[in-house]
Amino acid sequence: MKLVSIVRTPGQKKEFKATFTKPDGRTKTTRFGTSSNYLLNKDKDEQDRQAYIARHKPTENWKDPTSAGALSRFILWSPTRSLSTAIRDYKKRFKL
């Protein structure tokens, strides 16, 4: 699996769109996130980040790199507030 791109989609229901290429050559698109996240919303603090992680841990599939839950958790709610750093760490985590 290869991550092709992650782009913002302002005005859409979801804030970001990730595009992946599968080993068979087909693509998969996952829309994820809202504007109320740790990465974009400077009013969010570390306590909000920890609350998000605790709240979503029981219901999200964070092992599937193409899931909206994993994308949100490891990019939008990562410890960094830099999108490029969060994407780099996400790609490293999942070996994409």
Protein backbone atom coordinates (compact mmCIF):
# COMPACT_ATOMS: atom_id res chain seq x y z
CA MET A 1 0.00 0.00 0.00
CA LYS A 2 1.24 3.49 -0.83
CA LEU A 3 -0.02 6.84 0.38
CA VAL A 4 -0.41 9.04 -2.68
CA SER A 5 -1.71 12.25 -1.11
CA ILE A 6 -3.47 13.93 1.76
CA VAL A 7 -5.27 17.14 0.86
CA ARG A 8 -7.59 19.54 2.64
CA THR A 9 -11.16 19.70 1.39
CA PRO A 10 -12.56 22.99 2.75
CA GLY A 11 -16.30 23.33 2.51
CA GLN A 12 -16.81 19.57 2.51
CA LYS A 13 -18.28 17.51 5.33
CA LYS A 14 -14.85 16.08 6.10
CA GLU A 15 -11.77 18.32 6.33
CA PHE A 16 -9.24 16.02 4.60
CA LYS A 17 -9.03 13.39 1.88
CA ALA A 18 -6.35 10.69 1.72
CA THR A 19 -5.68 8.71 -1.43
CA PHE A 20 -3.90 5.36 -1.38
CA THR A 21 -2.70 3.00 -4.12
CA LYS A 22 -3.24 -0.66 -3.34
CA PRO A 23 -0.76 -3.35 -4.42
CA ASP A 24 -3.10 -4.35 -7.27
CA GLY A 25 -2.97 -0.80 -8.66
CA ARG A 26 -6.46 0.28 -7.58
CA THR A 27 -6.91 3.41 -5.52
CA LYS A 28 -8.75 3.94 -2.27
CA THR A 29 -9.93 7.32 -1.02
CA THR A 30 -10.73 7.99 2.62
CA ARG A 31 -12.30 11.22 3.85
CA PHE A 32 -11.59 12.05 7.46
CA GLY A 33 -11.54 14.70 10.15
CA THR A 34 -13.41 17.84 11.06
CA SER A 35 -12.11 21.35 11.64
CA SER A 36 -12.35 20.72 15.38
CA ASN A 37 -9.11 18.78 15.74
CA TYR A 38 -5.83 19.23 17.57
CA LEU A 39 -3.78 19.97 14.46
CA LEU A 40 -5.86 22.86 13.10
CA ASN A 41 -7.69 24.18 16.15
CA LYS A 42 -5.25 26.13 18.32
CA ASP A 43 -7.84 26.22 21.15
CA LYS A 44 -7.36 22.47 21.64
CA ASP A 45 -4.74 21.49 24.19
CA GLU A 46 -3.00 18.29 25.29
CA GLN A 47 -5.88 17.46 27.63
CA ASP A 48 -8.32 17.62 24.67
CA ARG A 49 -5.98 15.38 22.67
CA GLN A 50 -5.82 12.78 25.44
CA ALA A 51 -9.62 12.92 25.85
CA TYR A 52 -10.08 12.31 22.10
CA ILE A 53 -7.75 9.31 22.20
CA ALA A 54 -9.47 7.81 25.26
CA ARG A 55 -12.94 8.42 23.82
CA HIS A 56 -12.18 6.84 20.44
CA LYS A 57 -9.90 3.99 21.53
CA PRO A 58 -12.70 1.43 22.10
CA THR A 59 -14.43 1.99 18.75
CA GLU A 60 -11.74 2.87 16.19
CA ASN A 61 -9.58 0.59 14.08
CA TRP A 62 -6.17 2.23 14.46
CA LYS A 63 -4.33 -0.73 12.89
CA ASP A 64 -5.72 -0.15 9.37
CA PRO A 65 -3.79 2.79 7.87
CA THR A 66 -6.59 3.49 5.38
CA SER A 67 -9.30 3.87 8.03
CA ALA A 68 -10.63 7.32 8.88
CA GLY A 69 -9.98 6.55 12.54
CA ALA A 70 -6.28 5.85 12.03
CA LEU A 71 -5.84 8.88 9.79
CA SER A 72 -7.53 11.14 12.33
CA ARG A 73 -5.71 9.68 15.32
CA PHE A 74 -2.20 9.69 13.89
CA ILE A 75 -2.38 12.86 11.77
CA LEU A 76 -4.99 15.24 13.17
CA TRP A 77 -4.52 14.26 16.80
CA SER A 78 -0.77 13.57 16.75
CA PRO A 79 1.46 15.28 19.34
CA THR A 80 2.73 17.73 16.72
CA ARG A 81 0.86 20.67 15.25
CA SER A 82 2.71 20.43 11.94
CA LEU A 83 0.79 18.69 9.16
CA SER A 84 3.94 17.71 7.27
CA THR A 85 5.54 16.23 10.40
CA ALA A 86 2.35 14.37 11.31
CA ILE A 87 2.12 12.89 7.80
CA ARG A 88 5.81 11.89 7.89
CA ASP A 89 5.32 10.16 11.27
CA TYR A 90 2.13 8.45 10.01
CA LYS A 91 3.93 7.11 6.92
CA LYS A 92 6.78 5.84 9.07
CA ARG A 93 4.40 4.18 11.57
CA PHE A 94 2.59 2.24 8.83
CA LYS A 95 5.59 1.82 6.49
CA LEU A 96 3.82 3.56 3.60
